[in-house]
Amino acid sequence: MMYNSLDRLLDGLAATLRDEVAAHVDDPYVRAQAHAAAELITHLAEHVEWRCDQLRTEIDAAHAALRLDSAPASTITDNHELVATHDALLLAIADAQRSSAAEDDAAAIDEFVRHYHGNELDRFTAARYRTRR
């Protein structure tokens, strides 16, 4: 699963509140509240990070599966760089799966993919459970 940046997601949410929701609300108080919520979300986007601990864990696991020598993901402090590194490594994993890798490399790649998709399924299931409560 590729991640949109948190900034992009929150900017989209703020734009929807400001441009779509507020534009279709007749009550001035409610319209003002929609604009205020959009401003709050825009400000919030500058101060939060997108699942950094999870991304760092997956980056380190992908490095190990690809047998790459590089600094641990904990050295990445910029959220945009973290997401870009994660996405680039997922593409490298996919490329490695398609190539005719050595038996040991293929096993490491397959183990990473099984673990990665298992975690995604766990997160999806937990999110569905939270919404049904």
N, C-alpha and C. Protein backbone atom coordinates (compact mmCIF):
# COMPACT_ATOMS: atom_id res chain seq x y z
N MET A 1 0.84 -1.17 0.00
CA MET A 1 0.00 0.00 0.00
C MET A 1 0.89 1.24 0.00
N MET A 2 0.74 2.09 -0.99
CA MET A 2 1.49 3.33 -1.05
C MET A 2 0.74 4.37 -0.20
N TYR A 3 1.49 5.22 0.44
CA TYR A 3 0.89 6.21 1.31
C TYR A 3 0.87 7.57 0.65
N ASN A 4 -0.24 8.27 0.73
CA ASN A 4 -0.26 9.69 0.43
C ASN A 4 0.41 10.37 1.60
N SER A 5 1.01 11.51 1.35
CA SER A 5 1.59 12.24 2.48
C SER A 5 0.45 12.74 3.36
N LEU A 6 0.74 12.87 4.62
CA LEU A 6 -0.27 13.37 5.56
C LEU A 6 -0.68 14.79 5.18
N ASP A 7 0.30 15.59 4.74
CA ASP A 7 -0.02 16.95 4.31
C ASP A 7 -1.05 16.93 3.19
N ARG A 8 -0.86 16.05 2.23
CA ARG A 8 -1.78 15.99 1.09
C ARG A 8 -3.18 15.57 1.53
N LEU A 9 -3.26 14.58 2.41
CA LEU A 9 -4.56 14.13 2.89
C LEU A 9 -5.29 15.22 3.66
N LEU A 10 -4.56 15.88 4.57
CA LEU A 10 -5.20 16.92 5.37
C LEU A 10 -5.53 18.15 4.52
N ASP A 11 -4.65 18.48 3.56
CA ASP A 11 -4.97 19.60 2.66
C ASP A 11 -6.23 19.30 1.86
N GLY A 12 -6.37 18.07 1.41
CA GLY A 12 -7.58 17.68 0.66
C GLY A 12 -8.82 17.77 1.52
N LEU A 13 -8.71 17.35 2.76
CA LEU A 13 -9.84 17.43 3.69
C LEU A 13 -10.21 18.89 3.95
N ALA A 14 -9.21 19.74 4.17
CA ALA A 14 -9.48 21.16 4.41
C ALA A 14 -10.11 21.81 3.18
N ALA A 15 -9.60 21.47 2.00
CA ALA A 15 -10.16 22.04 0.77
C ALA A 15 -11.61 21.60 0.57
N THR A 16 -11.91 20.35 0.87
CA THR A 16 -13.28 19.87 0.74
C THR A 16 -14.21 20.61 1.69
N LEU A 17 -13.78 20.79 2.94
CA LEU A 17 -14.60 21.54 3.89
C LEU A 17 -14.82 22.98 3.43
N ARG A 18 -13.75 23.59 2.97
CA ARG A 18 -13.81 25.00 2.58
C ARG A 18 -14.57 25.20 1.26
N ASP A 19 -14.23 24.40 0.25
CA ASP A 19 -14.73 24.63 -1.10
C ASP A 19 -16.03 23.89 -1.43
N GLU A 20 -16.24 22.74 -0.82
CA GLU A 20 -17.42 21.95 -1.14
C GLU A 20 -18.51 22.06 -0.07
N VAL A 21 -18.12 21.80 1.17
CA VAL A 21 -19.12 21.80 2.25
C VAL A 21 -19.61 23.22 2.53
N ALA A 22 -18.68 24.12 2.85
CA ALA A 22 -19.08 25.49 3.21
C ALA A 22 -19.83 26.17 2.07
N ALA A 23 -19.45 25.89 0.84
CA ALA A 23 -20.09 26.52 -0.32
C ALA A 23 -21.55 26.12 -0.47
N HIS A 24 -21.93 24.99 0.12
CA HIS A 24 -23.30 24.50 -0.03
C HIS A 24 -24.13 24.62 1.24
N VAL A 25 -23.64 25.40 2.19
CA VAL A 25 -24.34 25.58 3.45
C VAL A 25 -24.92 26.99 3.48
N ASP A 26 -26.22 27.09 3.73
CA ASP A 26 -26.90 28.39 3.75
C ASP A 26 -26.75 29.11 5.09
N ASP A 27 -26.70 28.36 6.16
CA ASP A 27 -26.62 28.95 7.49
C ASP A 27 -25.23 29.56 7.69
N PRO A 28 -25.14 30.87 7.95
CA PRO A 28 -23.83 31.53 8.09
C PRO A 28 -23.00 30.97 9.24
N TYR A 29 -23.66 30.60 10.33
CA TYR A 29 -22.92 30.04 11.46
C TYR A 29 -22.27 28.71 11.09
N VAL A 30 -23.02 27.83 10.46
CA VAL A 30 -22.50 26.51 10.08
C VAL A 30 -21.40 26.68 9.02
N ARG A 31 -21.60 27.60 8.08
CA ARG A 31 -20.58 27.86 7.05
C ARG A 31 -19.28 28.34 7.71
N ALA A 32 -19.40 29.23 8.69
CA ALA A 32 -18.22 29.72 9.42
C ALA A 32 -17.53 28.59 10.17
N GLN A 33 -18.32 27.67 10.72
CA GLN A 33 -17.74 26.52 11.42
C GLN A 33 -16.97 25.62 10.45
N ALA A 34 -17.50 25.44 9.24
CA ALA A 34 -16.80 24.63 8.23
C ALA A 34 -15.47 25.29 7.86
N HIS A 35 -15.48 26.61 7.69
CA HIS A 35 -14.24 27.33 7.39
C HIS A 35 -13.25 27.23 8.55
N ALA A 36 -13.75 27.35 9.76
CA ALA A 36 -12.89 27.24 10.94
C ALA A 36 -12.27 25.85 11.04
N ALA A 37 -13.06 24.82 10.77
CA ALA A 37 -12.54 23.45 10.80
C ALA A 37 -11.46 23.27 9.72
N ALA A 38 -11.68 23.85 8.55
CA ALA A 38 -10.69 23.76 7.47
C ALA A 38 -9.38 24.43 7.89
N GLU A 39 -9.46 25.58 8.54
CA GLU A 39 -8.26 26.28 9.00
C GLU A 39 -7.54 25.47 10.08
N LEU A 40 -8.30 24.87 10.98
CA LEU A 40 -7.71 24.05 12.03
C LEU A 40 -6.97 22.86 11.42
N ILE A 41 -7.58 22.20 10.46
CA ILE A 41 -6.95 21.05 9.81
C ILE A 41 -5.69 21.48 9.06
N THR A 42 -5.75 22.61 8.38
CA THR A 42 -4.58 23.12 7.68
C THR A 42 -3.44 23.38 8.65
N HIS A 43 -3.75 23.98 9.80
CA HIS A 43 -2.72 24.24 10.81
C HIS A 43 -2.21 22.92 11.40
N LEU A 44 -3.08 21.99 11.64
CA LEU A 44 -2.71 20.70 12.21
C LEU A 44 -1.73 19.95 11.30
N ALA A 45 -1.91 20.07 10.00
CA ALA A 45 -1.06 19.36 9.04
C ALA A 45 0.42 19.70 9.21
N GLU A 46 0.69 20.88 9.72
CA GLU A 46 2.08 21.31 9.90
C GLU A 46 2.72 20.71 11.14
N HIS A 47 1.94 20.06 12.00
CA HIS A 47 2.47 19.63 13.29
C HIS A 47 2.36 18.14 13.59
N VAL A 48 1.84 17.36 12.66
CA VAL A 48 1.68 15.93 12.94
C VAL A 48 2.46 15.11 11.91
N GLU A 49 2.75 13.86 12.27
CA GLU A 49 3.46 12.94 11.40
C GLU A 49 2.57 11.75 11.09
N TRP A 50 2.87 11.11 9.98
CA TRP A 50 2.07 10.01 9.47
C TRP A 50 2.69 8.67 9.84
N ARG A 51 2.24 8.02 10.89
CA ARG A 51 2.63 6.67 11.27
C ARG A 51 4.13 6.42 11.11
N CYS A 52 4.93 7.31 11.64
CA CYS A 52 6.37 7.23 11.44
C CYS A 52 6.98 5.95 12.00
N ASP A 53 6.55 5.53 13.18
CA ASP A 53 7.13 4.32 13.77
C ASP A 53 6.88 3.11 12.88
N GLN A 54 5.68 3.00 12.34
CA GLN A 54 5.35 1.88 11.46
C GLN A 54 6.16 1.95 10.16
N LEU A 55 6.26 3.14 9.58
CA LEU A 55 7.03 3.30 8.35
C LEU A 55 8.50 2.99 8.57
N ARG A 56 9.07 3.43 9.69
CA ARG A 56 10.48 3.14 9.98
C ARG A 56 10.71 1.64 10.13
N THR A 57 9.80 0.96 10.80
CA THR A 57 9.92 -0.50 10.95
C THR A 57 9.88 -1.18 9.59
N GLU A 58 8.95 -0.76 8.72
CA GLU A 58 8.84 -1.37 7.39
C GLU A 58 10.04 -1.03 6.51
N ILE A 59 10.59 0.17 6.64
CA ILE A 59 11.79 0.54 5.88
C ILE A 59 12.96 -0.35 6.29
N ASP A 60 13.16 -0.52 7.59
CA ASP A 60 14.26 -1.37 8.06
C ASP A 60 14.07 -2.82 7.61
N ALA A 61 12.84 -3.31 7.65
CA ALA A 61 12.57 -4.69 7.20
C ALA A 61 12.81 -4.84 5.70
N ALA A 62 12.43 -3.84 4.92
CA ALA A 62 12.66 -3.89 3.47
C ALA A 62 14.15 -3.84 3.16
N HIS A 63 14.89 -2.99 3.89
CA HIS A 63 16.35 -2.96 3.71
C HIS A 63 16.96 -4.34 3.96
N ALA A 64 16.51 -4.98 5.03
CA ALA A 64 17.03 -6.31 5.36
C ALA A 64 16.67 -7.32 4.27
N ALA A 65 15.42 -7.30 3.81
CA ALA A 65 14.98 -8.25 2.79
C ALA A 65 15.73 -8.04 1.47
N LEU A 66 16.02 -6.79 1.15
CA LEU A 66 16.74 -6.48 -0.09
C LEU A 66 18.26 -6.55 0.09
N ARG A 67 18.68 -6.84 1.32
CA ARG A 67 20.10 -6.92 1.67
C ARG A 67 20.85 -5.63 1.32
N LEU A 68 20.22 -4.51 1.70
CA LEU A 68 20.82 -3.20 1.44
C LEU A 68 21.60 -2.74 2.66
N ASP A 69 22.76 -2.17 2.43
CA ASP A 69 23.54 -1.56 3.50
C ASP A 69 23.21 -0.08 3.53
N SER A 70 22.50 0.33 4.55
CA SER A 70 22.17 1.75 4.67
C SER A 70 21.88 2.06 6.13
N ALA A 71 21.81 3.35 6.41
CA ALA A 71 21.52 3.79 7.78
C ALA A 71 20.12 3.35 8.16
N PRO A 72 19.90 3.09 9.46
CA PRO A 72 18.55 2.72 9.89
C PRO A 72 17.56 3.85 9.65
N ALA A 73 16.32 3.49 9.49
CA ALA A 73 15.26 4.47 9.20
C ALA A 73 15.10 5.47 10.34
N SER A 74 15.56 5.15 11.51
CA SER A 74 15.44 6.09 12.64
C SER A 74 16.22 7.37 12.39
N THR A 75 17.14 7.35 11.42
CA THR A 75 17.90 8.56 11.11
C THR A 75 17.11 9.52 10.22
N ILE A 76 15.99 9.06 9.64
CA ILE A 76 15.17 9.92 8.79
C ILE A 76 14.22 10.70 9.69
N THR A 77 14.32 12.01 9.64
CA THR A 77 13.47 12.83 10.49
C THR A 77 12.40 13.58 9.70
N ASP A 78 12.59 13.77 8.40
CA ASP A 78 11.62 14.48 7.58
C ASP A 78 10.52 13.52 7.16
N ASN A 79 9.26 13.89 7.43
CA ASN A 79 8.13 13.02 7.14
C ASN A 79 8.01 12.72 5.65
N HIS A 80 8.23 13.73 4.79
CA HIS A 80 8.14 13.51 3.34
C HIS A 80 9.21 12.52 2.87
N GLU A 81 10.41 12.65 3.41
CA GLU A 81 11.49 11.73 3.05
C GLU A 81 11.18 10.31 3.53
N LEU A 82 10.59 10.21 4.69
CA LEU A 82 10.21 8.91 5.24
C LEU A 82 9.21 8.20 4.34
N VAL A 83 8.16 8.91 3.92
CA VAL A 83 7.15 8.33 3.04
C VAL A 83 7.76 7.98 1.68
N ALA A 84 8.59 8.88 1.13
CA ALA A 84 9.22 8.63 -0.17
C ALA A 84 10.15 7.42 -0.11
N THR A 85 10.92 7.29 0.96
CA THR A 85 11.81 6.14 1.12
C THR A 85 11.01 4.86 1.23
N HIS A 86 9.96 4.88 2.01
CA HIS A 86 9.09 3.71 2.17
C HIS A 86 8.51 3.27 0.83
N ASP A 87 7.96 4.24 0.09
CA ASP A 87 7.34 3.92 -1.21
C ASP A 87 8.37 3.39 -2.20
N ALA A 88 9.56 3.99 -2.22
CA ALA A 88 10.62 3.53 -3.13
C ALA A 88 11.05 2.10 -2.80
N LEU A 89 11.12 1.79 -1.51
CA LEU A 89 11.49 0.43 -1.12
C LEU A 89 10.41 -0.58 -1.47
N LEU A 90 9.14 -0.19 -1.35
CA LEU A 90 8.07 -1.11 -1.76
C LEU A 90 8.15 -1.39 -3.26
N LEU A 91 8.49 -0.39 -4.05
CA LEU A 91 8.69 -0.62 -5.49
C LEU A 91 9.88 -1.53 -5.74
N ALA A 92 10.95 -1.35 -4.98
CA ALA A 92 12.13 -2.21 -5.12
C ALA A 92 11.79 -3.65 -4.74
N ILE A 93 10.98 -3.83 -3.70
CA ILE A 93 10.53 -5.17 -3.31
C ILE A 93 9.73 -5.80 -4.44
N ALA A 94 8.81 -5.04 -5.03
CA ALA A 94 8.00 -5.56 -6.15
C ALA A 94 8.89 -5.94 -7.32
N ASP A 95 9.87 -5.10 -7.63
CA ASP A 95 10.80 -5.41 -8.72
C ASP A 95 11.60 -6.68 -8.41
N ALA A 96 12.03 -6.81 -7.17
CA ALA A 96 12.79 -8.00 -6.77
C ALA A 96 11.93 -9.27 -6.87
N GLN A 97 10.65 -9.15 -6.55
CA GLN A 97 9.76 -10.31 -6.68
C GLN A 97 9.63 -10.74 -8.13
N ARG A 98 9.59 -9.78 -9.03
CA ARG A 98 9.43 -10.09 -10.45
C ARG A 98 10.70 -10.63 -11.09
N SER A 99 11.84 -10.29 -10.53
CA SER A 99 13.10 -10.72 -11.12
C SER A 99 13.42 -12.15 -10.73
N SER A 100 14.41 -12.69 -11.38
CA SER A 100 14.82 -14.06 -11.05
C SER A 100 15.91 -13.99 -10.00
N ALA A 101 15.50 -13.72 -8.77
CA ALA A 101 16.44 -13.60 -7.66
C ALA A 101 16.91 -14.98 -7.21
N ALA A 102 18.05 -14.99 -6.53
CA ALA A 102 18.57 -16.23 -5.96
C ALA A 102 17.56 -16.76 -4.95
N GLU A 103 17.63 -18.05 -4.68
CA GLU A 103 16.67 -18.72 -3.79
C GLU A 103 16.60 -18.04 -2.42
N ASP A 104 17.76 -17.74 -1.82
CA ASP A 104 17.78 -17.10 -0.50
C ASP A 104 17.15 -15.71 -0.56
N ASP A 105 17.47 -14.95 -1.61
CA ASP A 105 16.90 -13.60 -1.75
C ASP A 105 15.39 -13.67 -1.93
N ALA A 106 14.94 -14.61 -2.75
CA ALA A 106 13.50 -14.76 -3.00
C ALA A 106 12.77 -15.11 -1.70
N ALA A 107 13.35 -15.94 -0.88
CA ALA A 107 12.72 -16.32 0.39
C ALA A 107 12.60 -15.11 1.32
N ALA A 108 13.65 -14.29 1.37
CA ALA A 108 13.62 -13.10 2.22
C ALA A 108 12.58 -12.09 1.72
N ILE A 109 12.50 -11.93 0.41
CA ILE A 109 11.52 -11.01 -0.18
C ILE A 109 10.10 -11.51 0.11
N ASP A 110 9.87 -12.81 -0.12
CA ASP A 110 8.54 -13.38 0.12
C ASP A 110 8.13 -13.25 1.59
N GLU A 111 9.07 -13.44 2.50
CA GLU A 111 8.78 -13.30 3.93
C GLU A 111 8.40 -11.85 4.25
N PHE A 112 9.13 -10.90 3.70
CA PHE A 112 8.79 -9.49 3.90
C PHE A 112 7.37 -9.21 3.41
N VAL A 113 7.04 -9.67 2.21
CA VAL A 113 5.73 -9.41 1.61
C VAL A 113 4.62 -10.03 2.45
N ARG A 114 4.81 -11.28 2.89
CA ARG A 114 3.79 -11.92 3.74
C ARG A 114 3.59 -11.11 5.02
N HIS A 115 4.67 -10.71 5.65
CA HIS A 115 4.58 -9.94 6.90
C HIS A 115 3.93 -8.58 6.65
N TYR A 116 4.33 -7.91 5.59
CA TYR A 116 3.79 -6.59 5.26
C TYR A 116 2.29 -6.67 5.02
N HIS A 117 1.85 -7.61 4.20
CA HIS A 117 0.42 -7.73 3.91
C HIS A 117 -0.37 -8.21 5.12
N GLY A 118 0.24 -9.03 5.96
CA GLY A 118 -0.41 -9.43 7.20
C GLY A 118 -0.66 -8.24 8.11
N ASN A 119 0.33 -7.34 8.21
CA ASN A 119 0.16 -6.12 9.01
C ASN A 119 -0.92 -5.23 8.43
N GLU A 120 -0.95 -5.09 7.09
CA GLU A 120 -1.98 -4.28 6.45
C GLU A 120 -3.37 -4.84 6.75
N LEU A 121 -3.52 -6.15 6.68
CA LEU A 121 -4.80 -6.78 6.98
C LEU A 121 -5.19 -6.55 8.44
N ASP A 122 -4.23 -6.66 9.35
CA ASP A 122 -4.51 -6.40 10.76
C ASP A 122 -4.99 -4.97 10.97
N ARG A 123 -4.34 -4.00 10.32
CA ARG A 123 -4.74 -2.59 10.46
C ARG A 123 -6.13 -2.37 9.87
N PHE A 124 -6.40 -2.98 8.74
CA PHE A 124 -7.71 -2.85 8.10
C PHE A 124 -8.80 -3.44 8.99
N THR A 125 -8.56 -4.60 9.54
CA THR A 125 -9.53 -5.26 10.41
C THR A 125 -9.77 -4.44 11.68
N ALA A 126 -8.70 -3.90 12.26
CA ALA A 126 -8.85 -3.08 13.46
C ALA A 126 -9.64 -1.82 13.16
N ALA A 127 -9.39 -1.21 12.01
CA ALA A 127 -10.13 0.00 11.64
C ALA A 127 -11.61 -0.30 11.42
N ARG A 128 -11.91 -1.41 10.79
CA ARG A 128 -13.32 -1.79 10.59
C ARG A 128 -14.00 -2.06 11.92
N TYR A 129 -13.28 -2.69 12.85
CA TYR A 129 -13.84 -2.98 14.16
C TYR A 129 -14.15 -1.68 14.90
N ARG A 130 -13.21 -0.68 14.83
CA ARG A 130 -13.42 0.59 15.51
C ARG A 130 -14.64 1.33 14.97
N THR A 131 -14.89 1.25 13.66
CA THR A 131 -16.01 1.97 13.08
C THR A 131 -17.35 1.31 13.40
N ARG A 132 -17.35 0.05 13.76
CA ARG A 132 -18.60 -0.66 14.06
C ARG A 132 -18.99 -0.55 15.52
N ARG A 133 -18.13 -0.02 16.36
CA ARG A 133 -18.42 0.07 17.80
C ARG A 133 -19.38 1.14 18.11
